[in-house]
Amino acid sequence: MKKSIGILTTYFATNFGAMLQPFALKRTLENMGFDAELIRYKQPKVWRVYSPWEPKKVFRKNIMAAIFHVVTLPWQILKRRRFFKYMHRHVQSNTGFVKEIDKKDFYIVGSDQIWNPAVTGGFDEVYWGNFKTGPESKKISYAASAEDIDYNEKNVEYIREHLMNFSSISVREESLAVKLREISRNDKIESVVDPTVLADKSIYDEIRSYNPLKNRRFVLLYKIRRSEEFLDKIYDYALSVDADLLILSTWIEWPIIKFARSRKRVHYKPAIGVEGFLGAVKHAECVFTPSFHGCVFPILFHRPFFSLVLSDNWNTRTTDFLASVGLSDRQITIKDDIINQDIDYQLVDNKIDMLRQKSMSFLSNALV
């Protein structure tokens, strides 16, 4: 009989990485011979942030923002419908949320920024392993990430205490692993690759991707956070290589709408789904993004890309990963020129294979 694994993560957040990483982890565990399931835990803040029906998005002091939210609601609903259709097909077919954590042999908490209090509205007790299980069950963290922790005395004590909930601990960034080893005095905390990198690349063929700009050469900008300062630079680069500019984003944003309307050969598709995102990456002449997962997929699909370094200091995840695969030179700041040199993907693949082996070893040892 297969042993069961419950995965706890923000699988319902309507952004590309949040939808692809649980799919990758679930399929990897299934290929290892386990019965893996996404536990339908509703993380309160993440749900509110991504729900178009959140009342505070309408009833707020910023009247113009409230009006914009209402005007763009049809786009938001369309995007949400596309994301949830993908989710129900590839990640979790059941709807609704559970009131109690299901009984499993193992629980894997991760990946993505589940340990980032800025994302989860403070430390989330469930993601930090504070839930009841059977006496023989094990809790494991896999590729948990946290970009923005204030390591004050109170938080350090919380982290030290709650890390004891886990029989095996791994995080996505080596810099975070170093900090947690120091706090917990546990030198067995490992850094591992994100599930999207861990999984065999062939699993993404199960997702029916499509090219959102057929019969056009295009450069892709996956815009997150405050990367609008790069718009003119990337647009000029696209024109210099005789390509259109396709812009995708996590949110529907007025500055991007305005930018696309005021320039030729710019296409903004704010309601695109996971299938369109994968197709856009596969067919882009070059990908630009500050997103961690936005950099992972061009690497997996052997496409040219640049990681945009923003001034918000949320670059650790991408910086650590690119350094580990020998691609630190693909990071650019607003002051840098765009020089698109060829990438030796055979060398990169060799490095990724070694990281995968290390990460699979962690999982194999943890799941016993």
Protein backbone atom coordinates (compact mmCIF):
# COMPACT_ATOMS: atom_id res chain seq x y z
CA MET A 1 0.00 0.00 0.00
CA LYS A 2 1.33 3.43 -0.94
CA LYS A 3 2.24 5.77 1.89
CA SER A 4 0.34 9.04 1.88
CA ILE A 5 1.75 12.56 1.77
CA GLY A 6 -0.13 15.76 2.41
CA ILE A 7 1.35 18.89 0.85
CA LEU A 8 0.72 22.23 2.55
CA THR A 9 1.35 25.30 0.41
CA THR A 10 -0.45 28.28 -1.13
CA TYR A 11 -1.56 26.25 -4.13
CA PHE A 12 -4.59 28.48 -4.79
CA ALA A 13 -2.73 31.79 -5.23
CA THR A 14 -3.34 33.01 -8.77
CA ASN A 15 0.22 33.58 -9.88
CA PHE A 16 2.24 31.33 -12.15
CA GLY A 17 4.85 30.11 -9.67
CA ALA A 18 2.29 29.38 -6.96
CA MET A 19 0.34 27.21 -9.40
CA LEU A 20 3.31 25.41 -10.95
CA GLN A 21 5.41 24.53 -7.88
CA PRO A 22 2.74 22.35 -6.16
CA PHE A 23 2.06 20.57 -9.47
CA ALA A 24 5.78 19.83 -9.79
CA LEU A 25 6.13 18.59 -6.21
CA LYS A 26 3.01 16.44 -6.39
CA ARG A 27 4.10 14.79 -9.64
CA THR A 28 7.63 14.22 -8.30
CA LEU A 29 6.30 12.49 -5.17
CA GLU A 30 3.92 10.40 -7.26
CA ASN A 31 6.82 9.32 -9.46
CA MET A 32 8.62 8.25 -6.26
CA GLY A 33 5.72 5.90 -5.49
CA PHE A 34 3.75 7.94 -2.94
CA ASP A 35 0.10 8.92 -2.81
CA ALA A 36 0.45 12.71 -2.75
CA GLU A 37 -2.35 15.21 -2.22
CA LEU A 38 -2.56 18.97 -1.77
CA ILE A 39 -4.22 19.62 1.58
CA ARG A 40 -6.90 22.26 1.07
CA TYR A 41 -5.73 24.61 3.79
CA LYS A 42 -6.97 28.18 3.37
CA GLN A 43 -4.21 30.61 4.34
CA PRO A 44 -6.22 33.70 5.33
CA LYS A 45 -4.03 36.54 4.08
CA VAL A 46 -3.01 34.90 0.81
CA TRP A 47 -6.66 34.16 0.08
CA ARG A 48 -7.68 37.78 0.76
CA VAL A 49 -4.84 39.19 -1.36
CA TYR A 50 -5.71 37.10 -4.42
CA SER A 51 -9.50 37.14 -4.12
CA PRO A 52 -11.18 39.68 -6.44
CA TRP A 53 -14.17 39.60 -4.09
CA GLU A 54 -12.28 40.96 -1.06
CA PRO A 55 -14.49 43.85 0.24
CA LYS A 56 -11.51 45.97 1.31
CA LYS A 57 -10.51 46.29 -2.33
CA VAL A 58 -13.70 48.21 -3.00
CA PHE A 59 -14.45 49.93 0.30
CA ARG A 60 -11.24 51.88 0.87
CA LYS A 61 -10.06 55.45 1.12
CA ASN A 62 -8.31 55.43 -2.25
CA ILE A 63 -11.38 56.03 -4.44
CA MET A 64 -9.50 55.77 -7.74
CA ALA A 65 -8.02 52.40 -6.73
CA ALA A 66 -11.47 51.16 -5.77
CA ILE A 67 -12.93 52.28 -9.12
CA PHE A 68 -10.06 50.64 -11.01
CA HIS A 69 -10.67 47.40 -9.13
CA VAL A 70 -14.34 47.42 -10.11
CA VAL A 71 -13.64 48.35 -13.75
CA THR A 72 -11.07 45.55 -14.12
CA LEU A 73 -13.16 42.98 -12.26
CA PRO A 74 -14.18 41.12 -15.46
CA TRP A 75 -10.47 40.59 -16.29
CA GLN A 76 -9.79 39.45 -12.74
CA ILE A 77 -12.67 36.99 -12.82
CA LEU A 78 -11.54 35.62 -16.20
CA LYS A 79 -7.99 35.16 -14.96
CA ARG A 80 -9.18 33.48 -11.77
CA ARG A 81 -11.40 31.13 -13.77
CA ARG A 82 -8.47 30.13 -16.00
CA PHE A 83 -6.15 29.57 -13.05
CA PHE A 84 -8.69 27.51 -11.12
CA LYS A 85 -9.48 25.40 -14.21
CA TYR A 86 -5.77 24.58 -14.44
CA MET A 87 -5.61 23.94 -10.67
CA HIS A 88 -8.55 21.54 -10.68
CA ARG A 89 -7.09 19.66 -13.64
CA HIS A 90 -3.46 19.41 -12.54
CA VAL A 91 -3.11 20.19 -8.82
CA GLN A 92 -6.22 19.66 -6.67
CA SER A 93 -9.48 18.44 -8.15
CA ASN A 94 -11.52 18.98 -4.98
CA THR A 95 -13.09 22.33 -4.24
CA GLY A 96 -13.44 24.19 -0.96
CA PHE A 97 -11.18 24.07 2.08
CA VAL A 98 -10.76 21.63 4.96
CA LYS A 99 -11.49 22.52 8.58
CA GLU A 100 -8.92 20.05 9.90
CA ILE A 101 -5.66 18.76 8.47
CA ASP A 102 -6.22 15.33 6.91
CA LYS A 103 -4.50 12.26 8.41
CA LYS A 104 -1.38 11.38 6.39
CA ASP A 105 1.84 9.38 6.87
CA PHE A 106 3.93 12.41 5.93
CA TYR A 107 3.31 16.14 5.65
CA ILE A 108 5.47 18.29 3.40
CA VAL A 109 5.30 22.01 4.07
CA GLY A 110 6.60 24.08 1.18
CA SER A 111 7.65 25.48 -1.16
CA ASP A 112 7.45 29.19 -1.94
CA GLN A 113 7.31 31.96 0.64
CA ILE A 114 5.28 30.13 3.25
CA TRP A 115 7.65 31.26 6.01
CA ASN A 116 7.59 34.92 4.98
CA PRO A 117 5.46 36.80 7.55
CA ALA A 118 4.96 39.66 5.09
CA VAL A 119 3.21 37.22 2.74
CA THR A 120 1.20 35.26 5.32
CA GLY A 121 0.27 38.12 7.67
CA GLY A 122 2.65 37.09 10.43
CA PHE A 123 4.03 33.62 11.08
CA ASP A 124 1.46 31.07 9.96
CA GLU A 125 1.05 28.36 12.61
CA VAL A 126 0.13 25.65 10.09
CA TYR A 127 3.04 26.37 7.76
CA TRP A 128 5.34 26.28 10.80
CA GLY A 129 4.12 22.78 11.62
CA ASN A 130 1.81 23.57 14.52
CA PHE A 131 -1.02 21.12 13.76
CA LYS A 132 -2.08 17.73 15.09
CA THR A 133 -1.07 14.51 13.36
CA GLY A 134 -1.01 10.80 14.06
CA PRO A 135 1.72 9.54 16.43
CA GLU A 136 3.79 8.01 13.62
CA SER A 137 3.40 10.86 11.13
CA LYS A 138 6.35 13.03 10.14
CA LYS A 139 6.43 16.69 9.20
CA ILE A 140 8.99 17.80 6.62
CA SER A 141 9.76 21.18 5.16
CA TYR A 142 10.78 21.14 1.51
CA ALA A 143 12.18 24.29 -0.13
CA ALA A 144 10.40 26.61 2.28
CA SER A 145 11.30 30.23 1.60
CA ALA A 146 11.24 33.50 3.53
CA GLU A 147 12.42 36.73 1.96
CA ASP A 148 11.48 39.25 4.63
CA ILE A 149 11.97 38.15 8.27
CA ASP A 150 12.92 40.56 11.03
CA TYR A 151 15.25 38.46 13.17
CA ASN A 152 14.40 40.18 16.42
CA GLU A 153 14.49 38.30 19.72
CA LYS A 154 10.79 37.39 19.67
CA ASN A 155 10.86 36.10 16.09
CA VAL A 156 14.06 34.15 16.62
CA GLU A 157 12.50 32.41 19.61
CA TYR A 158 9.38 31.59 17.57
CA ILE A 159 11.48 30.15 14.73
CA ARG A 160 13.69 28.12 17.07
CA GLU A 161 10.68 26.61 18.82
CA HIS A 162 8.68 25.81 15.69
CA LEU A 163 11.54 24.28 13.73
CA MET A 164 11.36 21.49 16.29
CA ASN A 165 8.03 20.45 14.74
CA PHE A 166 9.87 19.04 11.73
CA SER A 167 11.76 15.77 11.48
CA SER A 168 13.61 17.03 8.39
CA ILE A 169 14.14 20.64 7.34
CA SER A 170 15.09 22.08 3.99
CA VAL A 171 14.76 25.57 2.55
CA ARG A 172 15.13 27.01 -0.92
CA GLU A 173 17.94 29.52 -0.33
CA GLU A 174 21.34 28.72 1.12
CA SER A 175 21.39 32.13 2.82
CA LEU A 176 18.22 31.16 4.71
CA ALA A 177 19.64 27.74 5.57
CA VAL A 178 22.70 29.40 7.11
CA LYS A 179 20.50 31.66 9.24
CA LEU A 180 18.25 28.83 10.43
CA ARG A 181 21.24 26.64 11.30
CA GLU A 182 22.52 29.47 13.43
CA ILE A 183 19.16 29.99 15.17
CA SER A 184 18.36 26.32 15.76
CA ARG A 185 21.90 25.01 16.19
CA ASN A 186 20.87 22.30 13.75
CA ASP A 187 23.55 21.79 11.12
CA LYS A 188 21.36 19.29 9.21
CA ILE A 189 19.16 22.00 7.71
CA GLU A 190 19.71 21.79 3.96
CA SER A 191 19.14 24.01 0.96
CA VAL A 192 17.34 22.30 -1.93
CA VAL A 193 15.98 23.30 -5.32
CA ASP A 194 12.45 24.54 -5.87
CA PRO A 195 9.99 21.80 -6.93
CA THR A 196 9.76 23.34 -10.41
CA VAL A 197 13.47 22.59 -10.82
CA LEU A 198 13.37 19.27 -8.96
CA ALA A 199 10.73 17.77 -11.26
CA ASP A 200 11.58 16.04 -14.50
CA LYS A 201 11.10 18.63 -17.23
CA SER A 202 8.89 16.24 -19.19
CA ILE A 203 6.00 16.69 -16.72
CA TYR A 204 5.35 20.16 -18.13
CA ASP A 205 4.34 18.51 -21.40
CA GLU A 206 1.23 17.34 -19.53
CA ILE A 207 0.08 20.97 -19.47
CA ARG A 208 -1.33 22.02 -22.83
CA SER A 209 0.59 25.26 -23.35
CA TYR A 210 0.00 27.63 -26.24
CA ASN A 211 1.73 30.57 -27.90
CA PRO A 212 -0.22 33.74 -26.99
CA LEU A 213 1.31 35.69 -29.91
CA LYS A 214 1.28 33.34 -32.87
CA ASN A 215 3.21 34.35 -36.00
CA ARG A 216 5.03 37.16 -34.16
CA ARG A 217 8.54 37.44 -32.80
CA PHE A 218 8.30 38.80 -29.28
CA VAL A 219 10.25 39.60 -26.15
CA LEU A 220 8.49 38.70 -22.89
CA LEU A 221 8.35 40.81 -19.74
CA TYR A 222 6.80 39.03 -16.77
CA LYS A 223 6.21 42.06 -14.58
CA ILE A 224 5.96 41.66 -10.80
CA ARG A 225 6.54 44.04 -7.92
CA ARG A 226 7.96 47.42 -8.97
CA SER A 227 9.69 46.48 -12.20
CA GLU A 228 7.94 49.15 -14.29
CA GLU A 229 11.16 51.19 -14.25
CA PHE A 230 12.52 48.67 -16.79
CA LEU A 231 9.66 49.13 -19.26
CA ASP A 232 11.34 51.62 -21.60
CA LYS A 233 14.66 49.75 -21.54
CA ILE A 234 13.04 46.42 -22.43
CA TYR A 235 10.78 48.01 -25.06
CA ASP A 236 13.81 49.59 -26.75
CA TYR A 237 15.58 46.22 -26.69
CA ALA A 238 12.57 44.50 -28.28
CA LEU A 239 12.48 47.01 -31.12
CA SER A 240 16.24 46.67 -31.61
CA VAL A 241 15.82 42.96 -32.34
CA ASP A 242 12.71 43.61 -34.47
CA ALA A 243 10.35 41.98 -31.98
CA ASP A 244 7.09 42.90 -30.29
CA LEU A 245 6.89 43.24 -26.53
CA LEU A 246 4.51 40.93 -24.65
CA ILE A 247 3.80 41.87 -21.03
CA LEU A 248 2.33 39.51 -18.45
CA SER A 249 1.72 40.41 -14.82
CA THR A 250 0.44 38.97 -11.56
CA TRP A 251 -1.97 41.89 -11.14
CA ILE A 252 -3.92 44.03 -13.61
CA GLU A 253 -2.11 47.37 -13.51
CA TRP A 254 -3.07 50.76 -14.93
CA PRO A 255 0.52 51.94 -15.67
CA ILE A 256 1.02 48.85 -17.86
CA ILE A 257 -2.30 49.37 -19.63
CA LYS A 258 -1.32 52.99 -20.29
CA PHE A 259 2.16 51.99 -21.49
CA ALA A 260 0.77 49.39 -23.92
CA ARG A 261 -1.81 51.79 -25.34
CA SER A 262 0.71 54.54 -26.00
CA ARG A 263 3.22 52.43 -27.96
CA LYS A 264 3.19 50.26 -31.04
CA ARG A 265 3.96 46.55 -30.94
CA VAL A 266 3.19 46.20 -27.23
CA HIS A 267 0.73 43.52 -26.08
CA TYR A 268 -0.50 43.39 -22.50
CA LYS A 269 -2.36 40.20 -21.53
CA PRO A 270 -3.22 40.51 -17.84
CA ALA A 271 -5.75 37.67 -17.73
CA ILE A 272 -3.57 34.95 -19.26
CA GLY A 273 -3.48 31.53 -17.57
CA VAL A 274 -0.69 29.09 -16.72
CA GLU A 275 -0.87 27.48 -20.15
CA GLY A 276 -0.30 30.85 -21.85
CA PHE A 277 2.56 31.68 -19.51
CA LEU A 278 4.40 28.45 -20.34
CA GLY A 279 3.79 28.97 -24.05
CA ALA A 280 5.02 32.55 -23.87
CA VAL A 281 8.26 31.47 -22.21
CA LYS A 282 8.81 28.68 -24.73
CA HIS A 283 8.36 30.99 -27.73
CA ALA A 284 9.94 34.24 -26.49
CA GLU A 285 13.08 35.59 -28.11
CA CYS A 286 14.14 36.68 -24.62
CA VAL A 287 12.47 36.74 -21.18
CA PHE A 288 12.83 39.61 -18.68
CA THR A 289 11.55 39.34 -15.12
CA PRO A 290 12.41 39.86 -11.44
CA SER A 291 10.35 36.74 -10.64
CA PHE A 292 12.08 33.63 -9.30
CA HIS A 293 9.83 31.25 -11.23
CA GLY A 294 9.93 33.62 -14.18
CA CYS A 295 13.66 32.83 -14.39
CA VAL A 296 13.30 29.10 -13.68
CA PHE A 297 11.22 28.30 -16.75
CA PRO A 298 13.40 30.00 -19.39
CA ILE A 299 16.27 28.01 -17.92
CA LEU A 300 14.32 24.74 -18.09
CA PHE A 301 13.22 25.52 -21.67
CA HIS A 302 16.68 26.79 -22.69
CA ARG A 303 15.56 30.30 -23.58
CA PRO A 304 17.55 33.56 -23.30
CA PHE A 305 16.54 35.54 -20.20
CA PHE A 306 17.50 38.32 -17.81
CA SER A 307 16.70 38.61 -14.13
CA LEU A 308 15.77 42.18 -13.20
CA VAL A 309 17.35 43.33 -9.94
CA LEU A 310 14.93 45.64 -8.13
CA SER A 311 15.61 48.05 -5.29
CA ASP A 312 13.16 46.38 -2.86
CA ASN A 313 15.82 43.87 -1.69
CA TRP A 314 13.57 40.89 -2.46
CA ASN A 315 16.15 39.40 -4.82
CA THR A 316 17.67 36.73 -2.56
CA ARG A 317 15.74 33.79 -3.99
CA THR A 318 16.77 34.45 -7.57
CA THR A 319 20.31 35.55 -6.70
CA ASP A 320 21.03 32.35 -4.78
CA PHE A 321 19.56 30.11 -7.47
CA LEU A 322 21.32 31.78 -10.39
CA ALA A 323 24.63 31.59 -8.51
CA SER A 324 24.10 27.87 -7.94
CA VAL A 325 23.68 27.19 -11.68
CA GLY A 326 26.41 29.57 -12.85
CA LEU A 327 24.12 32.27 -14.27
CA SER A 328 24.77 35.23 -12.01
CA ASP A 329 25.72 37.27 -15.08
CA ARG A 330 22.07 37.14 -16.23
CA GLN A 331 21.08 39.60 -13.50
CA ILE A 332 20.86 43.23 -14.60
CA THR A 333 20.09 46.50 -12.85
CA ILE A 334 18.38 49.50 -14.39
CA LYS A 335 21.81 51.00 -15.13
CA ASP A 336 23.14 47.98 -17.05
CA ASP A 337 23.16 47.58 -20.82
CA ILE A 338 21.32 44.57 -22.24
CA ILE A 339 23.94 42.37 -23.89
CA ASN A 340 22.30 39.08 -24.82
CA GLN A 341 25.16 36.61 -25.02
CA ASP A 342 24.57 32.91 -25.61
CA ILE A 343 24.03 30.69 -22.57
CA ASP A 344 25.85 27.35 -22.35
CA TYR A 345 22.82 25.33 -21.33
CA GLN A 346 24.69 22.03 -21.36
CA LEU A 347 26.83 23.37 -18.52
CA VAL A 348 23.77 24.74 -16.74
CA ASP A 349 21.93 21.41 -17.10
CA ASN A 350 24.88 19.60 -15.53
CA LYS A 351 24.75 21.90 -12.51
CA ILE A 352 20.97 21.50 -12.23
CA ASP A 353 21.34 17.71 -12.37
CA MET A 354 23.72 17.80 -9.40
CA LEU A 355 21.33 20.03 -7.46
CA ARG A 356 18.45 17.69 -8.29
CA GLN A 357 20.36 14.67 -7.06
CA LYS A 358 21.16 16.42 -3.77
CA SER A 359 17.53 17.48 -3.35
CA MET A 360 16.14 14.05 -4.22
CA SER A 361 18.52 12.56 -1.67
CA PHE A 362 17.06 14.88 0.98
CA LEU A 363 13.51 13.82 0.09
CA SER A 364 14.35 10.12 -0.03
CA ASN A 365 16.01 10.26 3.39
CA ALA A 366 13.19 12.33 4.89
CA LEU A 367 10.39 10.07 3.61
CA VAL A 368 11.29 6.94 5.62
